[in-house]
C-alpha atoms as a PDB file:
ATOM      1  CA  MET A   1       0.000   0.000   0.000  1.00  0.00           C
ATOM      2  CA  LEU A   2       1.390   3.395  -0.993  1.00  0.00           C
ATOM      3  CA  LEU A   3       1.419   5.854   1.921  1.00  0.00           C
ATOM      4  CA  ILE A   4       1.393   9.399   0.583  1.00  0.00           C
ATOM      5  CA  VAL A   5       4.044  11.581   2.252  1.00  0.00           C
ATOM      6  CA  GLY A   6       3.793  14.620   0.001  1.00  0.00           C
ATOM      7  CA  ARG A   7       2.510  16.317  -3.122  1.00  0.00           C
ATOM      8  CA  VAL A   8       4.871  18.108  -5.476  1.00  0.00           C
ATOM      9  CA  GLY A   9       3.984  21.758  -5.923  1.00  0.00           C
ATOM     10  CA  LYS A  10       5.398  24.486  -8.099  1.00  0.00           C
ATOM     11  CA  PRO A  11       9.039  24.778  -9.155  1.00  0.00           C
ATOM     12  CA  HIS A  12      11.335  26.982  -7.089  1.00  0.00           C
ATOM     13  CA  GLY A  13      14.058  28.712  -9.054  1.00  0.00           C
ATOM     14  CA  ILE A  14      15.606  27.470 -12.288  1.00  0.00           C
ATOM     15  CA  ARG A  15      17.661  24.484 -11.099  1.00  0.00           C
ATOM     16  CA  GLY A  16      14.879  21.937 -10.637  1.00  0.00           C
ATOM     17  CA  GLU A  17      13.891  22.388  -6.996  1.00  0.00           C
ATOM     18  CA  VAL A  18      10.200  22.001  -6.209  1.00  0.00           C
ATOM     19  CA  THR A  19       7.980  22.885  -3.288  1.00  0.00           C
ATOM     20  CA  VAL A  20       6.397  19.929  -1.534  1.00  0.00           C
ATOM     21  CA  GLU A  21       3.126  19.926   0.374  1.00  0.00           C
ATOM     22  CA  VAL A  22       4.136  17.682   3.278  1.00  0.00           C
ATOM     23  CA  ARG A  23       1.717  14.944   4.332  1.00  0.00           C
ATOM     24  CA  THR A  24       3.819  13.137   6.912  1.00  0.00           C
ATOM     25  CA  ASP A  25       4.752  13.613  10.550  1.00  0.00           C
ATOM     26  CA  GLU A  26       8.369  12.767   9.706  1.00  0.00           C
ATOM     27  CA  PRO A  27       9.424  15.013   6.802  1.00  0.00           C
ATOM     28  CA  GLU A  28      13.099  14.979   7.831  1.00  0.00           C
ATOM     29  CA  ALA A  29      13.169  11.165   7.532  1.00  0.00           C
ATOM     30  CA  ARG A  30      10.972  10.816   4.437  1.00  0.00           C
ATOM     31  CA  PHE A  31      12.753  13.573   2.454  1.00  0.00           C
ATOM     32  CA  ALA A  32      16.298  12.835   3.619  1.00  0.00           C
ATOM     33  CA  PRO A  33      18.976  12.826   0.891  1.00  0.00           C
ATOM     34  CA  GLY A  34      19.038   9.397  -0.734  1.00  0.00           C
ATOM     35  CA  ALA A  35      15.431   8.552   0.197  1.00  0.00           C
ATOM     36  CA  VAL A  36      13.565   6.872  -2.657  1.00  0.00           C
ATOM     37  CA  LEU A  37       9.932   7.898  -3.016  1.00  0.00           C
ATOM     38  CA  ARG A  38       7.393   6.131  -5.190  1.00  0.00           C
ATOM     39  CA  THR A  39       5.142   8.249  -7.389  1.00  0.00           C
ATOM     40  CA  ASP A  40       1.598   7.995  -8.633  1.00  0.00           C
ATOM     41  CA  SER A  41       3.077   8.192 -12.150  1.00  0.00           C
ATOM     42  CA  GLY A  42       0.207   6.198 -13.634  1.00  0.00           C
ATOM     43  CA  ALA A  43      -2.072   9.151 -12.909  1.00  0.00           C
ATOM     44  CA  VAL A  44       0.227  11.696 -14.568  1.00  0.00           C
ATOM     45  CA  ALA A  45       0.601  11.351 -18.327  1.00  0.00           C
ATOM     46  CA  PRO A  46       2.656  13.571 -20.627  1.00  0.00           C
ATOM     47  CA  ALA A  47       0.639  16.165 -22.527  1.00  0.00           C
ATOM     48  CA  GLU A  48       2.328  15.360 -25.855  1.00  0.00           C
ATOM     49  CA  PRO A  49       4.705  12.794 -27.337  1.00  0.00           C
ATOM     50  CA  GLY A  50       8.264  13.392 -26.206  1.00  0.00           C
ATOM     51  CA  ALA A  51       7.204  15.281 -23.071  1.00  0.00           C
ATOM     52  CA  TYR A  52       8.794  14.413 -19.727  1.00  0.00           C
ATOM     53  CA  ARG A  53       7.221  11.333 -18.177  1.00  0.00           C
ATOM     54  CA  VAL A  54       7.130  11.159 -14.379  1.00  0.00           C
ATOM     55  CA  PRO A  55       9.186   8.137 -13.267  1.00  0.00           C
ATOM     56  CA  ALA A  56       7.853   5.462 -10.924  1.00  0.00           C
ATOM     57  CA  GLU A  57      10.418   6.514  -8.314  1.00  0.00           C
ATOM     58  CA  LEU A  58      12.187   9.752  -7.398  1.00  0.00           C
ATOM     59  CA  THR A  59      15.354   9.910  -5.308  1.00  0.00           C
ATOM     60  CA  VAL A  60      15.790  12.878  -2.990  1.00  0.00           C
ATOM     61  CA  GLU A  61      19.021  14.728  -3.724  1.00  0.00           C
ATOM     62  CA  SER A  62      18.506  17.465  -1.134  1.00  0.00           C
ATOM     63  CA  ALA A  63      15.768  19.021   0.967  1.00  0.00           C
ATOM     64  CA  ARG A  64      15.565  22.245   2.920  1.00  0.00           C
ATOM     65  CA  TRP A  65      12.999  24.460   4.572  1.00  0.00           C
ATOM     66  CA  HIS A  66      12.437  27.932   3.126  1.00  0.00           C
ATOM     67  CA  GLN A  67       9.829  30.313   4.535  1.00  0.00           C
ATOM     68  CA  GLY A  68       7.822  27.443   6.031  1.00  0.00           C
ATOM     69  CA  ARG A  69       7.852  25.356   2.831  1.00  0.00           C
ATOM     70  CA  LEU A  70       9.834  22.250   2.084  1.00  0.00           C
ATOM     71  CA  LEU A  71      11.982  22.600  -1.033  1.00  0.00           C
ATOM     72  CA  VAL A  72      13.224  19.347  -2.551  1.00  0.00           C
ATOM     73  CA  ALA A  73      15.670  18.588  -5.340  1.00  0.00           C
ATOM     74  CA  PHE A  74      15.260  15.158  -6.951  1.00  0.00           C
ATOM     75  CA  GLU A  75      18.032  13.372  -8.811  1.00  0.00           C
ATOM     76  CA  GLY A  76      17.722  13.903 -12.566  1.00  0.00           C
ATOM     77  CA  VAL A  77      15.437  16.924 -12.241  1.00  0.00           C
ATOM     78  CA  LEU A  78      17.875  19.572 -13.396  1.00  0.00           C
ATOM     79  CA  ASP A  79      15.763  22.454 -14.667  1.00  0.00           C
ATOM     80  CA  ARG A  80      12.524  24.317 -14.163  1.00  0.00           C
ATOM     81  CA  ASN A  81      10.744  22.651 -17.130  1.00  0.00           C
ATOM     82  CA  VAL A  82      11.220  19.144 -15.734  1.00  0.00           C
ATOM     83  CA  ALA A  83      10.313  20.393 -12.256  1.00  0.00           C
ATOM     84  CA  GLU A  84       7.093  21.862 -13.695  1.00  0.00           C
ATOM     85  CA  ALA A  85       6.220  18.454 -15.189  1.00  0.00           C
ATOM     86  CA  LEU A  86       6.293  16.987 -11.651  1.00  0.00           C
ATOM     87  CA  ARG A  87       3.679  19.449 -10.353  1.00  0.00           C
ATOM     88  CA  GLY A  88       0.771  17.625  -8.729  1.00  0.00           C
ATOM     89  CA  THR A  89       2.628  14.308  -8.436  1.00  0.00           C
ATOM     90  CA  LEU A  90       1.939  12.446  -5.207  1.00  0.00           C
ATOM     91  CA  VAL A  91       4.993  10.840  -3.614  1.00  0.00           C
ATOM     92  CA  GLY A  92       4.947   8.113  -1.019  1.00  0.00           C
ATOM     93  CA  VAL A  93       6.495   5.104   0.607  1.00  0.00           C
ATOM     94  CA  ASP A  94       5.395   1.484   0.763  1.00  0.00           C
ATOM     95  CA  SER A  95       3.571   0.723   4.029  1.00  0.00           C
ATOM     96  CA  ALA A  96       5.738  -2.403   4.403  1.00  0.00           C
ATOM     97  CA  ASP A  97       8.795  -0.128   4.676  1.00  0.00           C
ATOM     98  CA  VAL A  98       7.332   1.884   7.569  1.00  0.00           C
ATOM     99  CA  ALA A  99       8.264   0.688  11.045  1.00  0.00           C
ATOM    100  CA  ALA A 100       5.479   0.324  13.582  1.00  0.00           C
ATOM    101  CA  PRO A 101       5.374   3.123  16.174  1.00  0.00           C
ATOM    102  CA  GLU A 102       7.218   2.383  19.413  1.00  0.00           C
ATOM    103  CA  ASP A 103       4.399   3.844  21.528  1.00  0.00           C
ATOM    104  CA  PRO A 104       1.550   1.302  21.874  1.00  0.00           C
ATOM    105  CA  GLU A 105      -0.921   4.221  21.949  1.00  0.00           C
ATOM    106  CA  GLU A 106       0.227   5.516  18.537  1.00  0.00           C
ATOM    107  CA  PHE A 107      -0.952   4.208  15.157  1.00  0.00           C
ATOM    108  CA  HIS A 108      -0.299   4.874  11.498  1.00  0.00           C
ATOM    109  CA  ASP A 109      -3.381   5.768   9.451  1.00  0.00           C
ATOM    110  CA  HIS A 110      -3.058   2.661   7.265  1.00  0.00           C
ATOM    111  CA  GLN A 111      -3.248   0.445  10.367  1.00  0.00           C
ATOM    112  CA  LEU A 112      -6.676   1.840  11.271  1.00  0.00           C
ATOM    113  CA  VAL A 113      -8.367   2.099   7.870  1.00  0.00           C
ATOM    114  CA  GLY A 114     -10.726  -0.825   7.354  1.00  0.00           C
ATOM    115  CA  LEU A 115     -11.046  -1.782  11.027  1.00  0.00           C
ATOM    116  CA  ALA A 116     -14.524  -2.502  12.371  1.00  0.00           C
ATOM    117  CA  VAL A 117     -15.875   0.102  14.789  1.00  0.00           C
ATOM    118  CA  VAL A 118     -17.891  -1.339  17.671  1.00  0.00           C
ATOM    119  CA  THR A 119     -19.351  -0.051  20.935  1.00  0.00           C
ATOM    120  CA  ARG A 120     -18.270  -1.390  24.337  1.00  0.00           C
ATOM    121  CA  GLN A 121     -21.382  -3.593  24.175  1.00  0.00           C
ATOM    122  CA  GLY A 122     -20.262  -5.079  20.837  1.00  0.00           C
ATOM    123  CA  GLU A 123     -22.725  -3.260  18.555  1.00  0.00           C
ATOM    124  CA  ARG A 124     -21.141  -2.787  15.133  1.00  0.00           C
ATOM    125  CA  LEU A 125     -21.297   0.849  14.020  1.00  0.00           C
ATOM    126  CA  GLY A 126     -19.365   0.559  10.746  1.00  0.00           C
ATOM    127  CA  GLU A 127     -15.726   0.718   9.712  1.00  0.00           C
ATOM    128  CA  VAL A 128     -12.921   3.254   9.629  1.00  0.00           C
ATOM    129  CA  ALA A 129     -12.893   4.820   6.139  1.00  0.00           C
ATOM    130  CA  ARG A 130      -9.990   7.232   6.744  1.00  0.00           C
ATOM    131  CA  ILE A 131      -8.360   9.466   9.312  1.00  0.00           C
ATOM    132  CA  ASP A 132      -8.757  13.249   9.124  1.00  0.00           C
ATOM    133  CA  HIS A 133      -6.030  15.221  10.861  1.00  0.00           C
ATOM    134  CA  ALA A 134      -7.803  18.232  12.334  1.00  0.00           C
ATOM    135  CA  PRO A 135      -6.128  20.961  14.417  1.00  0.00           C
ATOM    136  CA  ALA A 136      -7.785  19.951  17.710  1.00  0.00           C
ATOM    137  CA  SER A 137      -7.515  16.168  17.341  1.00  0.00           C
ATOM    138  CA  ASP A 138      -7.459  13.437  14.770  1.00  0.00           C
ATOM    139  CA  LEU A 139     -10.869  12.241  13.611  1.00  0.00           C
ATOM    140  CA  LEU A 140     -11.877   8.715  12.662  1.00  0.00           C
ATOM    141  CA  VAL A 141     -14.127   8.927   9.622  1.00  0.00           C
ATOM    142  CA  LEU A 142     -16.654   6.176  10.207  1.00  0.00           C
ATOM    143  CA  ARG A 143     -18.436   4.632   7.224  1.00  0.00           C
ATOM    144  CA  ARG A 144     -21.872   3.658   8.561  1.00  0.00           C
ATOM    145  CA  PRO A 145     -23.721   0.588   7.232  1.00  0.00           C
ATOM    146  CA  GLU A 146     -26.429   2.789   5.638  1.00  0.00           C
ATOM    147  CA  GLY A 147     -23.754   4.567   3.596  1.00  0.00           C
ATOM    148  CA  ARG A 148     -23.383   7.873   5.416  1.00  0.00           C
ATOM    149  CA  THR A 149     -20.319   8.902   7.390  1.00  0.00           C
ATOM    150  CA  ALA A 150     -19.748  10.087  10.936  1.00  0.00           C
ATOM    151  CA  LEU A 151     -16.759  11.729  12.598  1.00  0.00           C
ATOM    152  CA  ILE A 152     -15.384  10.369  15.868  1.00  0.00           C
ATOM    153  CA  PRO A 153     -12.696  12.320  17.742  1.00  0.00           C
ATOM    154  CA  PHE A 154      -9.722   9.990  18.186  1.00  0.00           C
ATOM    155  CA  VAL A 155      -9.263  10.665  21.902  1.00  0.00           C
ATOM    156  CA  LYS A 156      -8.955   8.138  24.739  1.00  0.00           C
ATOM    157  CA  ALA A 157     -12.264   9.204  26.335  1.00  0.00           C
ATOM    158  CA  ILE A 158     -14.211   8.266  23.191  1.00  0.00           C
ATOM    159  CA  VAL A 159     -11.907   5.603  21.704  1.00  0.00           C
ATOM    160  CA  PRO A 160     -10.779   3.575  24.722  1.00  0.00           C
ATOM    161  CA  GLU A 161      -9.404   0.610  22.769  1.00  0.00           C
ATOM    162  CA  VAL A 162      -7.754  -0.128  19.436  1.00  0.00           C
ATOM    163  CA  ASP A 163      -7.372  -3.869  18.847  1.00  0.00           C
ATOM    164  CA  LEU A 164      -5.254  -4.253  15.705  1.00  0.00           C
ATOM    165  CA  ALA A 165      -4.978  -8.031  16.094  1.00  0.00           C
ATOM    166  CA  GLY A 166      -8.754  -8.323  16.498  1.00  0.00           C
ATOM    167  CA  GLY A 167      -9.409  -5.914  13.628  1.00  0.00           C
ATOM    168  CA  ARG A 168     -11.569  -3.529  15.625  1.00  0.00           C
ATOM    169  CA  VAL A 169     -11.780  -0.140  17.287  1.00  0.00           C
ATOM    170  CA  VAL A 170     -13.922   0.082  20.427  1.00  0.00           C
ATOM    171  CA  VAL A 171     -15.719   3.396  20.898  1.00  0.00           C
ATOM    172  CA  ASP A 172     -17.820   4.935  23.663  1.00  0.00           C
ATOM    173  CA  PRO A 173     -19.485   7.852  21.852  1.00  0.00           C
ATOM    174  CA  PRO A 174     -21.432  10.461  23.802  1.00  0.00           C
ATOM    175  CA  GLY A 175     -25.121  10.616  22.988  1.00  0.00           C
ATOM    176  CA  GLY A 176     -25.910  12.205  19.637  1.00  0.00           C
ATOM    177  CA  LEU A 177     -22.340  12.130  18.266  1.00  0.00           C
ATOM    178  CA  LEU A 178     -23.216   9.683  15.498  1.00  0.00           C
ATOM    179  CA  ASP A 179     -26.358  11.625  14.585  1.00  0.00           C
ATOM    180  CA  LEU A 180     -24.476  14.756  13.488  1.00  0.00           C
END
């Protein structure tokens, strides 16, 4: 499974650097020099024959922060035109290459997606569709059996147990939370 760690933005300068919209908690590790990132190159096609084709992998040559933005130079991307062709490309890592968190109370998004969501009494409420990272707290996006979604704050008071081995998340939602 490809875990998206960033999205390539606009070129910066004339030597092939690009801005990257970071989508990882560990940008220094994911964008370290020598890191190999997989692309969604199947979704990006050249506009005309002979145009630059986004490769399946990009190797980070250098990365630095500039005015709150991550600037990355990839090997082989030597000018602004090639950098422009990368715009919009999603870059990621294989979930198999990501070590499990050391803290037993911490989880990667891909570990939670697809888990059954049940109450303390065992009533099935649906499954985790995705995780939204909001400013106040992370939110479990619950896909309900009838097709609608609900948001559950991912805090210990409401989500007392995550059982990865059992494939479930136990929740204790306050009244009315799932009706919003």
